[in-house]
Amino acid sequence: MLCGEVLSGLESALRVLKFDVGKEFDVLTVSFDPKETPEIASEKKAEYLKRYGRPGAAVGWHFLTGPPASIDALTKAAGFQYQYDPKSGQFAHATAIMVLTPEGKIAQYYYGIEYAPKDLRLGLIQASENKIGTVVDQVLLYCYHYDPDTGKYGAIISRVLQLAGGATILILGTFLVVMFRLGPAQGHPGAKRVS
């Protein structure tokens, strides 16, 4: 029941990103229900690719199933815990997505069923070791830091102040250089020559 909500929240955030699944990054959707088959995964993939609606995403969005031993090994390695509730026939688990580095190490967890596109974008850039993104994104990452307790990025005030101070010095320095070069010797209106 929650898995559909997580996938919908992820797909909604991905649609807002300028990065494309299959081009700048891949998405792995892994089922931990051993009763789910590759056919079910294939149907879900088709559904979410249709909703996502970007060309080339099929090669980068993978829906995976597996036997219990593989599922247990993967979920333990990721630190993801779940429990089957026989009364409801459902799995009890936290709702989260994980961002991985190209080497497969977990860089960040995002909890909940809705994910802020700004945070997801910064997380992907940071996890990619700056292989995707722009110079503006690098400045944002300098000024913002991922807080694992909240699962969001927050401003680092000292770094914001450093950048603002540097920009102020640069602007004032440029202004002074221009003013000294265009001084009275350049024939400004109102400038008097002394003979």
Protein backbone atom coordinates (compact mmCIF):
# COMPACT_ATOMS: atom_id res chain seq x y z
CA MET A 1 0.00 0.00 0.00
CA LEU A 2 2.78 2.47 0.91
CA CYS A 3 5.02 1.39 -1.95
CA GLY A 4 2.64 2.88 -4.52
CA GLU A 5 2.66 6.16 -2.59
CA VAL A 6 6.46 6.21 -2.46
CA LEU A 7 6.68 5.53 -6.21
CA SER A 8 4.12 8.24 -6.96
CA GLY A 9 6.00 10.74 -4.80
CA LEU A 10 9.29 9.82 -6.47
CA GLU A 11 7.85 10.02 -9.99
CA SER A 12 6.29 13.39 -9.18
CA ALA A 13 9.65 14.78 -7.98
CA LEU A 14 11.50 13.29 -10.96
CA ARG A 15 9.11 14.97 -13.39
CA VAL A 16 10.09 18.39 -11.98
CA LEU A 17 13.85 17.74 -12.26
CA LYS A 18 15.67 18.90 -15.37
CA PHE A 19 17.83 15.78 -15.15
CA ASP A 20 16.56 12.77 -17.09
CA VAL A 21 16.34 9.21 -15.81
CA GLY A 22 18.52 7.10 -18.07
CA LYS A 23 20.73 10.03 -19.04
CA GLU A 24 22.16 11.69 -15.92
CA PHE A 25 21.18 8.98 -13.42
CA ASP A 26 19.37 5.65 -13.03
CA VAL A 27 16.55 4.63 -10.73
CA LEU A 28 16.36 1.19 -9.12
CA THR A 29 12.99 0.16 -7.76
CA VAL A 30 13.44 -3.03 -5.76
CA SER A 31 10.58 -5.15 -4.42
CA PHE A 32 11.23 -6.91 -1.13
CA ASP A 33 8.04 -8.99 -1.45
CA PRO A 34 9.18 -12.46 -2.59
CA LYS A 35 5.70 -13.09 -4.04
CA GLU A 36 6.11 -10.33 -6.63
CA THR A 37 7.16 -11.62 -10.03
CA PRO A 38 9.13 -10.08 -12.89
CA GLU A 39 5.79 -9.77 -14.75
CA ILE A 40 4.34 -7.62 -11.96
CA ALA A 41 7.52 -5.53 -11.94
CA SER A 42 7.27 -5.12 -15.72
CA GLU A 43 3.67 -3.88 -15.44
CA LYS A 44 4.62 -1.37 -12.72
CA LYS A 45 7.56 -0.17 -14.79
CA ALA A 46 5.30 0.46 -17.80
CA GLU A 47 2.82 2.35 -15.60
CA TYR A 48 5.42 4.67 -14.05
CA LEU A 49 7.31 5.23 -17.31
CA LYS A 50 4.05 6.32 -18.91
CA ARG A 51 3.43 8.77 -16.06
CA TYR A 52 7.02 10.05 -16.17
CA GLY A 53 6.74 10.53 -19.92
CA ARG A 54 10.36 11.22 -20.91
CA PRO A 55 12.10 9.43 -23.75
CA GLY A 56 14.99 7.16 -22.84
CA ALA A 57 13.78 6.54 -19.28
CA ALA A 58 13.11 2.85 -19.95
CA VAL A 59 16.85 2.13 -20.09
CA GLY A 60 17.48 3.92 -16.80
CA TRP A 61 14.53 2.98 -14.58
CA HIS A 62 14.79 -0.61 -13.41
CA PHE A 63 12.11 -2.54 -11.49
CA LEU A 64 13.69 -5.55 -9.78
CA THR A 65 12.40 -8.62 -7.96
CA GLY A 66 14.29 -11.55 -6.51
CA PRO A 67 14.37 -14.59 -4.25
CA PRO A 68 14.21 -14.16 -0.45
CA ALA A 69 17.97 -14.68 0.05
CA SER A 70 18.84 -11.89 -2.39
CA ILE A 71 16.20 -9.58 -0.94
CA ASP A 72 17.48 -10.18 2.61
CA ALA A 73 21.10 -9.52 1.58
CA LEU A 74 20.21 -6.29 -0.22
CA THR A 75 17.92 -4.87 2.48
CA LYS A 76 20.45 -5.67 5.22
CA ALA A 77 23.26 -4.03 3.25
CA ALA A 78 21.08 -0.92 2.78
CA GLY A 79 19.97 -0.85 6.42
CA PHE A 80 16.34 -1.16 5.34
CA GLN A 81 14.12 -3.05 7.79
CA TYR A 82 10.63 -4.41 7.23
CA GLN A 83 8.29 -6.86 8.87
CA TYR A 84 5.47 -8.90 7.33
CA ASP A 85 2.14 -8.57 9.14
CA PRO A 86 0.11 -11.76 8.48
CA LYS A 87 -3.12 -10.16 9.82
CA SER A 88 -3.17 -7.42 7.21
CA GLY A 89 -1.18 -9.28 4.59
CA GLN A 90 1.04 -6.18 4.29
CA PHE A 91 4.64 -5.28 5.07
CA ALA A 92 5.36 -2.77 7.82
CA HIS A 93 8.30 -0.58 6.88
CA ALA A 94 9.60 2.97 6.74
CA THR A 95 8.92 4.94 3.60
CA ALA A 96 12.17 6.09 2.08
CA ILE A 97 14.26 6.38 -1.03
CA MET A 98 18.05 6.27 -1.12
CA VAL A 99 20.50 8.12 -3.32
CA LEU A 100 23.61 6.12 -4.22
CA THR A 101 27.04 7.12 -5.49
CA PRO A 102 28.26 5.69 -8.81
CA GLU A 103 30.19 3.12 -6.74
CA GLY A 104 26.92 1.93 -5.14
CA LYS A 105 27.44 3.47 -1.68
CA ILE A 106 24.46 5.09 0.02
CA ALA A 107 24.89 8.86 0.00
CA GLN A 108 21.53 9.94 1.44
CA TYR A 109 18.15 8.75 2.63
CA TYR A 110 14.95 10.68 1.95
CA TYR A 111 12.09 9.67 4.22
CA GLY A 112 8.38 10.06 3.62
CA ILE A 113 6.27 9.76 0.48
CA GLU A 114 6.92 13.18 -1.04
CA TYR A 115 10.39 14.37 -1.96
CA ALA A 116 11.40 17.98 -2.52
CA PRO A 117 12.78 18.25 -6.07
CA LYS A 118 15.40 20.81 -4.90
CA ASP A 119 16.73 18.40 -2.27
CA LEU A 120 16.65 15.46 -4.67
CA ARG A 121 18.53 17.49 -7.32
CA LEU A 122 21.23 18.56 -4.86
CA GLY A 123 21.48 14.99 -3.55
CA LEU A 124 21.97 13.60 -7.05
CA ILE A 125 24.64 16.21 -7.85
CA GLN A 126 26.48 15.58 -4.60
CA ALA A 127 26.28 11.77 -4.95
CA SER A 128 27.50 11.97 -8.56
CA GLU A 129 30.63 13.74 -7.27
CA ASN A 130 29.73 16.79 -9.39
CA LYS A 131 29.57 14.87 -12.68
CA ILE A 132 26.11 16.31 -13.30
CA GLY A 133 24.80 19.80 -12.61
CA THR A 134 25.98 23.34 -13.30
CA VAL A 135 28.30 25.90 -11.69
CA VAL A 136 25.24 27.38 -9.97
CA ASP A 137 24.56 23.95 -8.44
CA GLN A 138 28.14 23.88 -7.12
CA VAL A 139 27.61 27.27 -5.44
CA LEU A 140 24.34 26.00 -3.95
CA LEU A 141 26.08 22.90 -2.62
CA TYR A 142 28.72 25.14 -1.06
CA CYS A 143 25.99 27.10 0.73
CA TYR A 144 23.67 24.19 1.57
CA HIS A 145 24.35 21.04 3.55
CA TYR A 146 22.38 17.81 3.76
CA ASP A 147 21.05 17.15 7.25
CA PRO A 148 20.48 13.39 7.72
CA ASP A 149 18.20 14.01 10.71
CA THR A 150 15.68 15.99 8.65
CA GLY A 151 16.49 14.42 5.26
CA LYS A 152 16.69 17.91 3.73
CA TYR A 153 19.22 20.50 2.70
CA GLY A 154 19.64 23.59 4.86
CA ALA A 155 21.64 26.77 4.46
CA ILE A 156 25.03 27.08 6.11
CA ILE A 157 24.87 30.72 7.15
CA SER A 158 28.64 31.16 7.50
CA ARG A 159 29.20 30.06 3.91
CA VAL A 160 26.39 32.27 2.62
CA LEU A 161 27.98 35.21 4.45
CA GLN A 162 31.42 34.35 3.02
CA LEU A 163 30.06 34.39 -0.52
CA ALA A 164 28.10 37.61 0.08
CA GLY A 165 31.21 39.28 1.58
CA GLY A 166 33.37 38.13 -1.33
CA ALA A 167 30.83 39.42 -3.86
CA THR A 168 30.65 42.78 -2.05
CA ILE A 169 34.46 43.16 -2.10
CA LEU A 170 34.56 42.21 -5.78
CA ILE A 171 31.85 44.74 -6.71
CA LEU A 172 33.42 47.56 -4.66
CA GLY A 173 36.89 46.78 -6.03
CA THR A 174 35.61 46.83 -9.61
CA PHE A 175 33.80 50.11 -8.96
CA LEU A 176 36.95 51.73 -7.52
CA VAL A 177 39.15 50.55 -10.40
CA VAL A 178 36.68 51.93 -12.95
CA MET A 179 36.39 55.25 -11.10
CA PHE A 180 40.17 55.72 -10.85
CA ARG A 181 40.66 54.93 -14.54
CA LEU A 182 37.92 57.34 -15.57
CA GLY A 183 39.20 60.11 -13.29
CA PRO A 184 39.66 63.81 -14.22
CA ALA A 185 42.35 63.05 -16.83
CA GLN A 186 39.70 61.35 -18.99
CA GLY A 187 37.78 64.57 -19.47
CA HIS A 188 34.71 63.87 -17.41
CA PRO A 189 32.02 66.52 -17.57
CA GLY A 190 32.61 68.90 -14.75
CA ALA A 191 36.28 67.99 -14.44
CA LYS A 192 38.65 70.96 -14.50
CA ARG A 193 42.12 70.93 -15.96
CA VAL A 194 44.76 72.80 -14.10
CA SER A 195 47.39 74.52 -16.31
